N, C-alpha and C. Protein backbone atom coordinates (compact mmCIF):
# COMPACT_ATOMS: atom_id res chain seq x y z
N UNK A 1 33.76 -1.92 7.79
CA UNK A 1 33.14 -2.88 7.02
C UNK A 1 33.48 -2.61 5.64
N UNK A 2 33.96 -3.71 4.58
CA UNK A 2 34.44 -3.52 3.24
C UNK A 2 33.26 -3.22 2.47
N UNK A 3 32.07 -3.79 2.70
CA UNK A 3 31.10 -4.11 1.89
C UNK A 3 30.63 -2.75 1.54
N UNK A 4 30.31 -2.68 0.29
CA UNK A 4 29.65 -1.20 -0.44
C UNK A 4 28.32 -1.54 -0.89
N UNK A 5 27.54 -0.45 -1.24
CA UNK A 5 26.06 -0.92 -1.70
C UNK A 5 26.19 -1.49 -3.17
N UNK A 6 27.19 -1.17 -4.01
CA UNK A 6 27.32 -1.71 -5.42
C UNK A 6 27.83 -3.24 -5.53
N UNK A 7 28.53 -3.58 -4.14
CA UNK A 7 29.08 -5.12 -3.99
C UNK A 7 27.90 -5.76 -3.76
N UNK A 8 27.03 -5.15 -2.79
CA UNK A 8 25.86 -5.69 -2.30
C UNK A 8 25.01 -6.39 -3.45
N UNK A 9 24.81 -5.53 -4.57
CA UNK A 9 24.00 -5.89 -5.68
C UNK A 9 24.46 -6.80 -6.63
N UNK A 10 25.86 -6.48 -6.91
CA UNK A 10 26.68 -7.34 -7.91
C UNK A 10 26.96 -8.59 -7.45
N UNK A 11 27.45 -8.84 -6.03
CA UNK A 11 27.82 -10.16 -5.55
C UNK A 11 26.93 -10.42 -4.13
N UNK A 12 25.70 -10.45 -4.40
CA UNK A 12 24.86 -10.59 -3.14
C UNK A 12 25.39 -11.53 -2.39
N UNK A 13 25.67 -12.74 -2.78
CA UNK A 13 25.85 -14.06 -2.15
C UNK A 13 27.01 -13.77 -1.16
N UNK A 14 28.31 -13.29 -1.82
CA UNK A 14 29.44 -12.96 -1.06
C UNK A 14 29.29 -11.90 -0.06
N UNK A 15 28.68 -10.82 -0.50
CA UNK A 15 28.42 -9.59 0.52
C UNK A 15 27.61 -9.96 1.71
N UNK A 16 26.46 -10.65 1.20
CA UNK A 16 25.50 -11.01 2.41
C UNK A 16 26.28 -11.97 3.33
N UNK A 17 27.02 -12.88 3.09
CA UNK A 17 27.85 -13.86 3.98
C UNK A 17 28.86 -12.92 4.83
N UNK A 18 29.59 -12.07 4.09
CA UNK A 18 30.76 -11.22 4.57
C UNK A 18 29.90 -10.37 5.76
N UNK A 19 28.76 -9.65 5.41
CA UNK A 19 28.08 -9.03 6.33
C UNK A 19 27.67 -9.71 7.41
N UNK A 20 27.19 -10.99 7.16
CA UNK A 20 26.77 -11.74 8.49
C UNK A 20 28.03 -11.91 9.29
N UNK A 21 28.89 -12.18 8.75
CA UNK A 21 30.25 -12.59 9.85
C UNK A 21 30.70 -11.43 10.50
N UNK A 22 30.68 -10.16 9.87
CA UNK A 22 31.20 -8.82 10.48
C UNK A 22 29.95 -8.30 11.26
N UNK A 23 28.83 -8.36 11.03
CA UNK A 23 27.71 -7.35 11.78
C UNK A 23 27.27 -8.34 13.11
N UNK A 24 27.30 -9.77 12.81
CA UNK A 24 26.69 -10.60 13.55
C UNK A 24 24.94 -10.41 13.57
N UNK A 25 24.34 -10.12 14.93
CA UNK A 25 22.85 -10.13 14.82
C UNK A 25 22.45 -9.03 13.96
N UNK A 26 23.29 -8.07 14.00
CA UNK A 26 22.80 -6.73 13.19
C UNK A 26 22.31 -7.01 11.88
N UNK A 27 23.01 -8.16 11.16
CA UNK A 27 22.70 -8.64 9.67
C UNK A 27 21.18 -8.55 9.65
N UNK A 28 20.54 -9.07 10.74
CA UNK A 28 18.97 -9.38 10.54
C UNK A 28 18.42 -7.96 10.42
N UNK A 29 18.89 -6.78 11.30
CA UNK A 29 18.18 -5.41 10.99
C UNK A 29 18.52 -4.86 9.59
N UNK A 30 19.67 -5.15 9.14
CA UNK A 30 19.96 -4.95 7.69
C UNK A 30 18.86 -5.39 6.84
N UNK A 31 18.84 -6.78 7.05
CA UNK A 31 17.74 -7.33 6.07
C UNK A 31 16.36 -6.89 6.20
N UNK A 32 16.09 -6.63 7.45
CA UNK A 32 14.87 -5.82 7.66
C UNK A 32 14.59 -4.83 7.04
N UNK A 33 15.58 -3.90 7.14
CA UNK A 33 15.56 -2.52 6.52
C UNK A 33 15.38 -2.67 5.02
N UNK A 34 16.01 -3.17 4.41
CA UNK A 34 15.96 -3.64 3.01
C UNK A 34 14.60 -4.10 2.56
N UNK A 35 14.29 -5.00 3.16
CA UNK A 35 12.85 -5.48 2.69
C UNK A 35 11.74 -4.62 2.97
N UNK A 36 11.82 -4.11 4.24
CA UNK A 36 10.77 -3.05 4.66
C UNK A 36 10.71 -1.98 3.57
N UNK A 37 12.00 -1.47 3.21
CA UNK A 37 12.07 -0.29 2.06
C UNK A 37 11.49 -0.71 0.77
N UNK A 38 11.78 -1.95 0.31
CA UNK A 38 11.61 -2.34 -0.86
C UNK A 38 10.08 -2.83 -0.79
N UNK A 39 9.46 -2.94 -0.13
CA UNK A 39 7.97 -3.33 -0.13
C UNK A 39 7.17 -2.00 0.44
N UNK A 40 7.88 -1.03 1.27
CA UNK A 40 7.23 0.09 1.84
C UNK A 40 7.12 1.30 1.18
N UNK A 41 8.11 1.68 0.16
CA UNK A 41 8.10 2.98 -0.48
C UNK A 41 8.20 2.78 -1.96
N UNK A 42 7.37 3.49 -2.77
CA UNK A 42 7.29 3.31 -4.19
C UNK A 42 8.32 3.93 -4.83
N UNK A 43 9.33 4.67 -4.07
CA UNK A 43 10.39 5.42 -4.73
C UNK A 43 11.65 4.11 -4.73
N UNK A 44 11.43 3.02 -4.10
CA UNK A 44 12.53 2.19 -3.97
C UNK A 44 12.36 0.71 -4.43
N UNK A 45 11.72 0.64 -5.46
CA UNK A 45 11.36 -0.81 -5.95
C UNK A 45 12.61 -1.43 -6.41
N UNK A 46 13.50 -0.76 -6.78
CA UNK A 46 14.72 -1.39 -7.19
C UNK A 46 15.83 -2.09 -6.23
N UNK A 47 15.32 -1.87 -4.97
CA UNK A 47 16.00 -2.95 -4.06
C UNK A 47 15.87 -4.27 -4.14
N UNK A 48 16.81 -5.00 -3.81
CA UNK A 48 16.70 -6.51 -4.15
C UNK A 48 15.65 -6.95 -2.92
N UNK A 49 14.96 -8.09 -3.69
CA UNK A 49 13.77 -8.38 -2.83
C UNK A 49 14.00 -10.05 -3.16
N UNK A 50 13.33 -10.44 -4.04
CA UNK A 50 13.28 -12.01 -4.27
C UNK A 50 14.75 -12.48 -4.22
N UNK A 51 15.59 -11.94 -4.89
CA UNK A 51 17.06 -12.60 -4.78
C UNK A 51 17.60 -12.67 -3.40
N UNK A 52 17.37 -11.48 -2.62
CA UNK A 52 17.68 -11.27 -1.32
C UNK A 52 17.26 -12.32 -0.44
N UNK A 53 15.82 -12.75 -0.72
CA UNK A 53 15.47 -13.77 0.37
C UNK A 53 15.94 -15.13 -0.03
N UNK A 54 16.14 -15.26 -1.24
CA UNK A 54 16.59 -16.71 -1.79
C UNK A 54 17.86 -16.82 -1.10
N UNK A 55 18.71 -16.04 -1.55
CA UNK A 55 19.89 -15.95 -1.11
C UNK A 55 20.23 -16.10 0.47
N UNK A 56 19.44 -15.41 1.19
CA UNK A 56 19.37 -15.45 2.59
C UNK A 56 19.22 -16.87 2.97
N UNK A 57 17.96 -17.30 2.48
CA UNK A 57 17.65 -18.87 2.83
C UNK A 57 18.70 -19.80 2.49
N UNK A 58 19.41 -19.72 1.29
CA UNK A 58 20.46 -20.54 1.03
C UNK A 58 21.76 -20.45 2.07
N UNK A 59 22.01 -19.23 2.52
CA UNK A 59 22.89 -18.89 3.54
C UNK A 59 22.52 -19.51 4.87
N UNK A 60 21.23 -19.56 5.20
CA UNK A 60 20.67 -20.14 6.43
C UNK A 60 20.85 -21.73 6.08
N UNK A 61 20.78 -22.23 4.91
CA UNK A 61 21.02 -23.57 4.57
C UNK A 61 22.23 -24.33 5.00
N UNK A 62 23.27 -23.29 4.72
CA UNK A 62 24.69 -23.51 4.92
C UNK A 62 25.20 -23.24 6.33
N UNK A 63 24.30 -22.70 7.14
CA UNK A 63 24.62 -22.19 8.57
C UNK A 63 25.21 -20.83 8.78
N UNK A 64 25.13 -19.95 7.88
CA UNK A 64 25.53 -18.70 7.95
C UNK A 64 24.64 -17.83 8.92
N UNK A 65 23.38 -18.23 8.49
CA UNK A 65 22.16 -17.43 9.07
C UNK A 65 21.37 -18.66 9.71
N UNK A 66 20.83 -17.87 10.82
CA UNK A 66 19.63 -18.76 11.66
C UNK A 66 18.20 -18.84 10.84
N UNK A 67 17.88 -20.04 10.43
CA UNK A 67 16.59 -20.18 9.73
C UNK A 67 15.46 -19.40 10.38
N UNK A 68 14.81 -19.89 11.66
CA UNK A 68 13.49 -19.38 12.42
C UNK A 68 13.56 -17.92 12.47
N UNK A 69 14.87 -17.40 12.77
CA UNK A 69 15.01 -15.73 13.28
C UNK A 69 14.86 -15.33 11.61
N UNK A 70 15.53 -15.70 10.54
CA UNK A 70 15.27 -15.16 9.55
C UNK A 70 14.13 -15.09 9.01
N UNK A 71 13.18 -15.89 9.16
CA UNK A 71 11.83 -16.12 8.60
C UNK A 71 11.07 -15.03 9.45
N UNK A 72 11.21 -15.01 10.74
CA UNK A 72 10.41 -14.05 11.33
C UNK A 72 10.79 -12.74 10.96
N UNK A 73 12.14 -12.10 10.74
CA UNK A 73 12.56 -10.92 10.47
C UNK A 73 12.07 -10.58 9.29
N UNK A 74 12.11 -11.32 8.11
CA UNK A 74 11.74 -11.04 6.62
C UNK A 74 10.19 -10.96 6.32
N UNK A 75 9.69 -12.01 7.12
CA UNK A 75 8.11 -12.00 7.18
C UNK A 75 7.65 -10.70 7.76
N UNK A 76 8.04 -10.24 8.79
CA UNK A 76 7.63 -9.11 9.54
C UNK A 76 7.85 -7.85 8.83
N UNK A 77 9.11 -7.81 8.12
CA UNK A 77 9.41 -6.60 7.27
C UNK A 77 8.58 -6.34 6.23
N UNK A 78 8.19 -7.55 5.36
CA UNK A 78 7.42 -7.66 4.32
C UNK A 78 6.00 -7.18 4.50
N UNK A 79 5.43 -7.56 5.73
CA UNK A 79 4.24 -7.23 6.09
C UNK A 79 3.90 -5.79 6.80
N UNK A 80 4.94 -5.39 7.27
CA UNK A 80 4.93 -3.96 8.13
C UNK A 80 5.39 -3.06 6.80
N UNK A 81 6.11 -3.52 5.83
CA UNK A 81 6.58 -2.65 4.53
C UNK A 81 5.15 -2.37 3.94
N UNK A 82 4.35 -3.16 3.39
CA UNK A 82 3.13 -3.32 2.67
C UNK A 82 1.85 -2.29 3.53
N UNK A 83 2.17 -2.68 4.83
CA UNK A 83 1.05 -1.78 5.62
C UNK A 83 1.58 -0.17 5.48
N UNK A 84 2.89 0.03 5.56
CA UNK A 84 3.19 1.41 5.55
C UNK A 84 2.94 2.03 4.25
N UNK A 85 3.11 1.19 3.15
CA UNK A 85 2.97 1.59 1.81
C UNK A 85 1.45 1.83 1.76
N UNK A 86 0.52 1.02 2.26
CA UNK A 86 -0.87 1.35 2.07
C UNK A 86 -1.32 2.64 2.77
N UNK A 87 -0.75 2.99 3.93
CA UNK A 87 -1.24 4.27 4.67
C UNK A 87 -0.63 5.48 3.91
N UNK A 88 0.66 5.13 3.21
CA UNK A 88 1.19 6.35 2.55
C UNK A 88 0.34 6.57 1.12
N UNK A 89 -0.19 5.66 0.56
CA UNK A 89 -1.12 5.79 -0.59
C UNK A 89 -2.39 6.46 -0.05
N UNK A 90 -2.91 5.77 1.10
CA UNK A 90 -4.27 6.53 1.48
C UNK A 90 -4.02 7.89 1.96
N UNK A 91 -3.19 8.49 2.60
CA UNK A 91 -3.04 9.92 2.91
C UNK A 91 -2.18 10.92 1.97
N UNK A 92 -1.18 10.33 1.44
CA UNK A 92 -0.47 11.21 0.40
C UNK A 92 -0.19 10.73 -1.03
N UNK A 93 -1.11 9.60 -1.40
CA UNK A 93 -0.83 8.89 -2.76
C UNK A 93 -1.19 9.81 -3.73
N UNK A 94 -2.26 10.61 -3.92
CA UNK A 94 -2.69 11.51 -5.03
C UNK A 94 -1.67 12.46 -5.10
N UNK A 95 -1.28 13.05 -3.96
CA UNK A 95 -0.47 14.08 -3.99
C UNK A 95 1.14 13.94 -4.50
N UNK A 96 1.52 12.75 -4.10
CA UNK A 96 2.70 12.07 -4.63
C UNK A 96 2.61 11.94 -6.23
N UNK A 97 1.60 11.75 -6.67
CA UNK A 97 1.45 11.15 -8.23
C UNK A 97 1.42 12.39 -8.96
N UNK A 98 1.17 13.72 -8.01
CA UNK A 98 0.92 14.89 -9.11
C UNK A 98 2.00 15.93 -8.78
N UNK A 99 2.72 15.63 -7.45
CA UNK A 99 3.56 16.50 -7.06
C UNK A 99 5.03 16.41 -7.58
N UNK A 100 5.86 16.88 -6.45
CA UNK A 100 7.18 17.03 -6.89
C UNK A 100 7.74 15.69 -6.96
N UNK A 101 7.16 14.46 -6.41
CA UNK A 101 7.59 13.03 -6.38
C UNK A 101 7.08 12.41 -7.58
N UNK A 102 6.39 13.09 -8.46
CA UNK A 102 5.57 12.22 -9.47
C UNK A 102 6.80 11.58 -10.24
N UNK A 103 8.06 12.21 -10.41
CA UNK A 103 9.07 11.62 -11.33
C UNK A 103 9.55 10.31 -10.69
N UNK A 104 9.46 10.03 -9.54
CA UNK A 104 9.62 8.86 -8.87
C UNK A 104 8.89 7.53 -8.99
N UNK A 105 7.47 8.29 -9.09
CA UNK A 105 6.38 7.21 -9.36
C UNK A 105 6.15 6.99 -10.76
N UNK A 106 6.68 5.83 -11.26
CA UNK A 106 6.63 5.64 -12.84
C UNK A 106 4.95 5.31 -13.20
N UNK A 107 4.75 6.37 -14.14
CA UNK A 107 3.37 6.12 -14.52
C UNK A 107 3.11 4.55 -15.33
N UNK A 108 3.90 4.20 -15.78
CA UNK A 108 3.70 2.61 -16.55
C UNK A 108 3.50 1.80 -15.69
N UNK A 109 4.45 1.78 -14.40
CA UNK A 109 4.00 0.56 -13.49
C UNK A 109 2.81 0.84 -12.82
N UNK A 110 2.52 1.94 -12.40
CA UNK A 110 1.12 2.25 -11.93
C UNK A 110 0.08 1.78 -12.59
N UNK A 111 0.23 1.94 -13.86
CA UNK A 111 -0.91 1.39 -14.96
C UNK A 111 -0.79 0.12 -15.03
N UNK A 112 0.31 -0.70 -14.87
CA UNK A 112 0.34 -2.01 -15.09
C UNK A 112 -0.38 -2.56 -13.72
N UNK A 113 -0.12 -1.99 -12.64
CA UNK A 113 -0.89 -2.35 -11.30
C UNK A 113 -2.05 -2.38 -11.37
N UNK A 114 -2.54 -1.28 -11.83
CA UNK A 114 -3.96 -1.04 -12.13
C UNK A 114 -4.72 -2.21 -12.94
N UNK A 115 -3.96 -2.45 -13.81
CA UNK A 115 -4.55 -3.52 -14.80
C UNK A 115 -4.62 -5.01 -13.99
N UNK A 116 -3.54 -5.08 -13.10
CA UNK A 116 -3.46 -6.09 -12.21
C UNK A 116 -4.59 -6.36 -11.42
N UNK A 117 -5.06 -5.17 -10.75
CA UNK A 117 -6.12 -4.85 -9.78
C UNK A 117 -7.48 -5.44 -10.78
N UNK A 118 -7.57 -5.01 -11.75
CA UNK A 118 -8.58 -5.30 -12.69
C UNK A 118 -8.87 -6.78 -13.01
N UNK A 119 -7.75 -7.41 -12.98
CA UNK A 119 -7.79 -8.63 -13.29
C UNK A 119 -7.95 -9.75 -11.83
N UNK A 120 -7.22 -9.28 -11.10
CA UNK A 120 -7.16 -10.19 -9.76
C UNK A 120 -8.13 -9.49 -8.37
N UNK A 121 -8.15 -8.49 -8.56
CA UNK A 121 -9.07 -7.76 -7.46
C UNK A 121 -8.21 -7.78 -6.22
N UNK A 122 -8.78 -7.94 -4.96
CA UNK A 122 -8.08 -7.98 -3.70
C UNK A 122 -6.74 -8.82 -3.74
N UNK A 123 -7.14 -9.98 -4.32
CA UNK A 123 -5.83 -10.81 -4.40
C UNK A 123 -4.61 -10.37 -4.94
N UNK A 124 -4.82 -9.26 -5.54
CA UNK A 124 -3.46 -8.61 -6.20
C UNK A 124 -2.53 -8.58 -5.17
N UNK A 125 -2.86 -8.25 -4.09
CA UNK A 125 -1.97 -8.00 -2.81
C UNK A 125 -1.15 -9.19 -2.54
N UNK A 126 -1.69 -10.39 -2.77
CA UNK A 126 -1.01 -11.62 -2.58
C UNK A 126 -0.10 -12.03 -3.97
N UNK A 127 -0.82 -11.96 -4.98
CA UNK A 127 -0.31 -12.13 -6.37
C UNK A 127 0.87 -11.30 -6.73
N UNK A 128 0.87 -10.19 -6.34
CA UNK A 128 1.70 -9.08 -6.77
C UNK A 128 2.99 -9.34 -5.80
N UNK A 129 3.00 -9.78 -4.74
CA UNK A 129 4.33 -10.07 -4.14
C UNK A 129 5.12 -10.81 -4.88
N UNK A 130 4.80 -11.65 -5.64
CA UNK A 130 5.90 -12.50 -6.54
C UNK A 130 6.14 -11.73 -7.98
N UNK A 131 5.85 -10.66 -8.20
CA UNK A 131 6.28 -9.86 -9.38
C UNK A 131 6.89 -8.56 -8.78
N UNK A 132 8.16 -8.43 -9.12
CA UNK A 132 8.98 -7.13 -8.76
C UNK A 132 8.35 -5.86 -9.44
N UNK A 133 8.60 -4.72 -8.74
CA UNK A 133 7.95 -3.44 -9.25
C UNK A 133 6.52 -3.51 -8.66
N UNK A 134 5.57 -4.48 -9.38
CA UNK A 134 4.40 -4.55 -9.04
C UNK A 134 3.96 -4.64 -7.31
N UNK A 135 5.05 -5.28 -6.90
CA UNK A 135 4.79 -5.70 -5.42
C UNK A 135 4.73 -4.50 -4.77
N UNK A 136 5.64 -3.50 -5.23
CA UNK A 136 5.81 -2.40 -4.66
C UNK A 136 4.82 -1.47 -4.61
N UNK A 137 4.01 -1.22 -5.84
CA UNK A 137 3.12 -0.37 -6.30
C UNK A 137 1.72 -0.87 -5.67
N UNK A 138 1.47 -2.14 -5.54
CA UNK A 138 0.20 -2.78 -5.21
C UNK A 138 -0.31 -2.00 -3.93
N UNK A 139 0.43 -2.22 -2.88
CA UNK A 139 -0.30 -1.74 -1.60
C UNK A 139 -0.63 -0.16 -1.69
N UNK A 140 0.34 0.40 -2.24
CA UNK A 140 0.25 1.92 -2.54
C UNK A 140 -0.92 2.28 -3.29
N UNK A 141 -1.46 1.50 -4.28
CA UNK A 141 -2.75 1.94 -4.89
C UNK A 141 -3.81 1.42 -4.25
N UNK A 142 -3.58 0.10 -3.49
CA UNK A 142 -4.83 -0.23 -2.39
C UNK A 142 -5.41 0.83 -1.50
N UNK A 143 -4.26 1.66 -1.29
CA UNK A 143 -4.59 2.77 -0.07
C UNK A 143 -5.14 3.93 -0.97
N UNK A 144 -4.80 4.22 -1.95
CA UNK A 144 -5.19 5.22 -2.88
C UNK A 144 -6.77 4.95 -3.05
N UNK A 145 -6.97 3.60 -3.66
CA UNK A 145 -8.33 3.29 -3.77
C UNK A 145 -9.22 3.04 -2.78
N UNK A 146 -8.83 3.29 -1.56
CA UNK A 146 -9.53 3.27 -0.40
C UNK A 146 -10.26 1.81 -0.06
N UNK A 147 -9.11 0.80 -0.37
CA UNK A 147 -9.49 -0.69 -0.10
C UNK A 147 -9.86 -0.65 1.40
N UNK A 148 -10.67 -1.57 1.82
CA UNK A 148 -10.74 -1.64 3.25
C UNK A 148 -9.59 -2.50 4.00
N UNK A 149 -9.14 -1.59 5.07
CA UNK A 149 -7.88 -1.82 5.56
C UNK A 149 -8.31 -3.48 6.16
N UNK A 150 -9.47 -3.79 6.87
CA UNK A 150 -9.44 -5.43 7.22
C UNK A 150 -9.08 -6.32 6.30
N UNK A 151 -9.65 -5.95 4.75
CA UNK A 151 -9.42 -7.12 3.63
C UNK A 151 -7.96 -6.94 3.37
N UNK A 152 -7.38 -5.61 3.32
CA UNK A 152 -6.16 -5.44 2.92
C UNK A 152 -5.06 -6.15 3.98
N UNK A 153 -5.29 -6.05 4.98
CA UNK A 153 -4.59 -6.61 6.12
C UNK A 153 -4.41 -8.33 5.97
N UNK A 154 -5.52 -8.98 5.88
CA UNK A 154 -5.84 -10.36 5.76
C UNK A 154 -4.73 -10.60 4.48
N UNK A 155 -5.07 -10.05 3.20
CA UNK A 155 -4.18 -10.29 2.05
C UNK A 155 -2.79 -9.86 2.16
N UNK A 156 -2.46 -9.06 3.09
CA UNK A 156 -1.21 -8.64 3.22
C UNK A 156 -0.26 -9.60 3.92
N UNK A 157 -1.06 -10.01 5.00
CA UNK A 157 -0.32 -11.07 5.91
C UNK A 157 -0.08 -12.34 5.06
N UNK A 158 -1.27 -12.87 4.49
CA UNK A 158 -1.10 -13.93 3.50
C UNK A 158 -0.11 -13.81 2.60
N UNK A 159 -0.15 -12.89 1.80
CA UNK A 159 1.01 -12.54 0.88
C UNK A 159 2.23 -12.55 1.45
N UNK A 160 2.54 -11.78 2.58
CA UNK A 160 3.96 -11.65 3.23
C UNK A 160 4.22 -12.90 3.54
N UNK A 161 3.63 -13.82 4.30
CA UNK A 161 4.05 -15.25 4.85
C UNK A 161 4.46 -16.00 3.33
N UNK A 162 3.39 -15.91 2.50
CA UNK A 162 3.83 -17.07 1.35
C UNK A 162 5.10 -16.57 0.60
N UNK A 163 5.30 -15.19 0.33
CA UNK A 163 6.38 -14.69 -0.31
C UNK A 163 7.82 -15.02 0.54
N UNK A 164 7.77 -14.35 1.60
CA UNK A 164 9.01 -14.53 2.36
C UNK A 164 9.51 -16.06 2.92
N UNK A 165 8.19 -16.63 3.27
CA UNK A 165 8.40 -18.02 3.61
C UNK A 165 8.94 -18.96 2.52
N UNK A 166 8.17 -18.82 1.40
CA UNK A 166 8.31 -19.61 0.09
C UNK A 166 9.94 -19.49 -0.57
N UNK A 167 10.17 -18.12 -0.48
CA UNK A 167 11.63 -17.83 -1.11
C UNK A 167 12.84 -18.40 -0.01
N UNK A 168 12.63 -17.94 1.12
CA UNK A 168 13.55 -18.33 2.08
C UNK A 168 13.71 -19.79 2.37
N UNK A 169 12.70 -20.56 2.29
CA UNK A 169 12.58 -21.91 2.47
C UNK A 169 12.97 -22.56 1.22
N UNK A 170 12.65 -22.03 0.32
CA UNK A 170 13.09 -22.40 -1.09
C UNK A 170 14.77 -22.55 -1.29
N UNK A 171 15.08 -21.33 -0.86
CA UNK A 171 16.69 -21.00 -0.92
C UNK A 171 17.38 -22.00 0.10
N UNK A 172 16.77 -22.19 1.26
CA UNK A 172 17.55 -23.11 2.20
C UNK A 172 17.41 -24.36 1.76
N UNK A 173 16.33 -25.08 1.38
CA UNK A 173 16.35 -26.51 0.99
C UNK A 173 17.52 -26.64 -0.38
N UNK A 174 17.38 -25.61 -1.47
CA UNK A 174 18.40 -25.67 -2.32
C UNK A 174 19.67 -25.47 -1.49
N UNK A 175 19.83 -24.60 -0.78
CA UNK A 175 21.30 -24.39 -0.18
C UNK A 175 21.85 -25.54 0.69
N UNK A 176 20.93 -26.59 1.02
CA UNK A 176 21.45 -27.79 1.73
C UNK A 176 22.21 -28.71 0.93
N UNK A 177 22.16 -28.47 -0.58
CA UNK A 177 22.58 -29.33 -1.43
C UNK A 177 24.03 -29.04 -1.60
N UNK A 178 25.01 -30.23 -1.29
CA UNK A 178 26.48 -29.73 -1.09
C UNK A 178 26.92 -28.96 -2.33
N UNK A 179 26.60 -29.57 -3.72
CA UNK A 179 27.31 -28.66 -4.89
C UNK A 179 26.69 -27.26 -5.00
N UNK A 180 25.79 -26.90 -4.50
CA UNK A 180 25.10 -25.53 -4.41
C UNK A 180 25.75 -24.62 -3.22
N UNK A 181 26.22 -25.18 -2.34
CA UNK A 181 26.77 -24.48 -1.10
C UNK A 181 27.90 -23.80 -1.50
N UNK A 182 28.69 -24.29 -2.68
CA UNK A 182 29.83 -23.76 -3.10
C UNK A 182 29.54 -23.07 -4.49
N UNK A 183 28.35 -22.81 -4.84
CA UNK A 183 28.02 -22.21 -6.03
C UNK A 183 26.80 -21.38 -5.90
N UNK A 184 26.75 -20.59 -4.74
CA UNK A 184 25.48 -19.90 -4.35
C UNK A 184 25.29 -18.72 -5.16
N UNK A 185 26.13 -18.11 -5.89
CA UNK A 185 26.08 -16.94 -6.72
C UNK A 185 25.37 -17.50 -7.94
N UNK A 186 25.40 -18.89 -8.29
CA UNK A 186 24.57 -19.12 -9.60
C UNK A 186 23.17 -18.96 -9.25
N UNK A 187 22.69 -19.21 -7.96
CA UNK A 187 21.16 -19.15 -7.53
C UNK A 187 20.89 -17.79 -7.80
N UNK A 188 21.57 -16.82 -7.41
CA UNK A 188 21.21 -15.34 -7.49
C UNK A 188 20.84 -15.08 -8.97
N UNK A 189 21.69 -15.62 -9.87
CA UNK A 189 21.45 -15.10 -11.45
C UNK A 189 20.02 -15.91 -11.86
N UNK A 190 20.13 -17.07 -11.28
CA UNK A 190 18.86 -17.93 -11.46
C UNK A 190 17.45 -17.14 -11.09
N UNK A 191 17.40 -16.76 -9.89
CA UNK A 191 16.41 -15.96 -9.38
C UNK A 191 16.19 -14.74 -10.15
N UNK A 192 17.23 -13.94 -10.42
CA UNK A 192 16.92 -12.71 -11.10
C UNK A 192 16.41 -13.03 -12.53
N UNK A 193 16.70 -13.98 -13.19
CA UNK A 193 16.34 -14.50 -14.68
C UNK A 193 14.81 -14.81 -14.10
N UNK A 194 14.42 -15.37 -13.24
CA UNK A 194 12.98 -15.86 -12.93
C UNK A 194 12.44 -14.55 -12.79
N UNK A 195 12.77 -13.80 -12.01
CA UNK A 195 12.16 -12.32 -11.88
C UNK A 195 11.80 -11.54 -13.17
N UNK A 196 12.86 -11.44 -13.90
CA UNK A 196 12.70 -10.87 -15.31
C UNK A 196 11.58 -11.63 -16.17
N UNK A 197 11.78 -12.90 -15.98
CA UNK A 197 10.80 -13.60 -16.91
C UNK A 197 9.22 -13.27 -16.22
N UNK A 198 9.28 -13.14 -15.05
CA UNK A 198 7.79 -12.85 -14.32
C UNK A 198 7.31 -11.46 -14.81
N UNK A 199 8.39 -10.54 -14.71
CA UNK A 199 8.03 -9.09 -15.18
C UNK A 199 7.46 -9.11 -16.39
N UNK A 200 8.42 -9.87 -17.40
CA UNK A 200 7.99 -9.76 -18.72
C UNK A 200 6.69 -10.60 -19.10
N UNK A 201 6.25 -11.60 -18.54
CA UNK A 201 4.93 -12.19 -18.59
C UNK A 201 3.83 -11.37 -18.13
N UNK A 202 4.05 -10.62 -17.07
CA UNK A 202 2.82 -9.59 -16.57
C UNK A 202 2.69 -8.57 -17.38
N UNK A 203 4.03 -7.84 -18.23
CA UNK A 203 3.68 -7.01 -19.06
C UNK A 203 2.90 -7.42 -20.43
N UNK A 204 3.43 -8.81 -20.90
CA UNK A 204 2.77 -9.33 -22.00
C UNK A 204 1.33 -9.49 -21.83
N UNK A 205 0.96 -9.98 -20.59
CA UNK A 205 -0.59 -10.21 -20.12
C UNK A 205 -1.26 -8.95 -20.26
N UNK A 206 -0.86 -7.94 -19.41
CA UNK A 206 -1.55 -6.68 -19.25
C UNK A 206 -1.39 -5.83 -20.73
N UNK A 207 -0.68 -6.09 -21.45
CA UNK A 207 -0.76 -5.45 -22.91
C UNK A 207 -1.97 -6.32 -23.64
N UNK A 208 -1.83 -7.48 -23.63
CA UNK A 208 -2.98 -8.21 -24.34
C UNK A 208 -4.20 -8.01 -23.84
N UNK A 209 -4.34 -7.53 -22.41
CA UNK A 209 -5.70 -7.21 -22.01
C UNK A 209 -6.25 -5.97 -22.41
N UNK A 210 -5.10 -4.93 -22.50
CA UNK A 210 -5.46 -3.57 -23.04
C UNK A 210 -5.94 -3.60 -24.31
N UNK A 211 -5.15 -4.34 -25.25
CA UNK A 211 -5.45 -4.46 -26.60
C UNK A 211 -6.72 -5.03 -26.92
N UNK A 212 -6.95 -6.22 -25.97
CA UNK A 212 -8.47 -6.76 -26.09
C UNK A 212 -9.41 -5.87 -25.81
N UNK A 213 -9.29 -4.89 -25.02
CA UNK A 213 -10.43 -4.06 -24.55
C UNK A 213 -10.60 -2.68 -25.47
N UNK A 214 -9.53 -2.76 -26.21
CA UNK A 214 -9.45 -1.62 -27.35
C UNK A 214 -9.84 -2.15 -28.53
N UNK A 215 -10.31 -3.55 -28.74
CA UNK A 215 -10.81 -4.04 -29.89
C UNK A 215 -12.15 -3.90 -30.00
N UNK A 216 -12.87 -3.43 -31.10
CA UNK A 216 -14.54 -3.36 -31.31
C UNK A 216 -15.27 -4.63 -30.95
């Protein structure tokens, strides 16, 4: 297979379509692994999440992928990934933040996520799904903070279904538009811009909150 990791990031639509043709059903395993790792490990927040789901949905709209199977695979990966991240945080989070892996656990994103929790509470697990990077750290901090697993699971399932279902179905609907089917790459950049905008707005909101608490 001629697709390499760099191609996957830079030409996501073409790479994913090519991989689907070459791998057959194994493409769903690849998608599962990417989404699971992006949500399940705090050292891999750079993996494509929003853009991957949106492009996969668009490709399902053009017949390259099977929509029902895609929804099941990515939603399961998202929910199981957050679950793994939660338990990693519960049993190894403190050691990771102070040990050899501390360089991979960015302090600023940990702080942003803590501020997110202060603002949204347990619903952070749902809200953070739609914010890159914070999405990866939220379940990790929930584990460190000893959040009751029953409540975490409810928020986790709700957030996973909304995130995976919303992006895949959104991409699928838009992917059925004839002019879009020939310009799927434009969708990827559109989603990336939305992600950057979301991150920027979250950072602005959190910084404003910090400055407000510092004011006498």
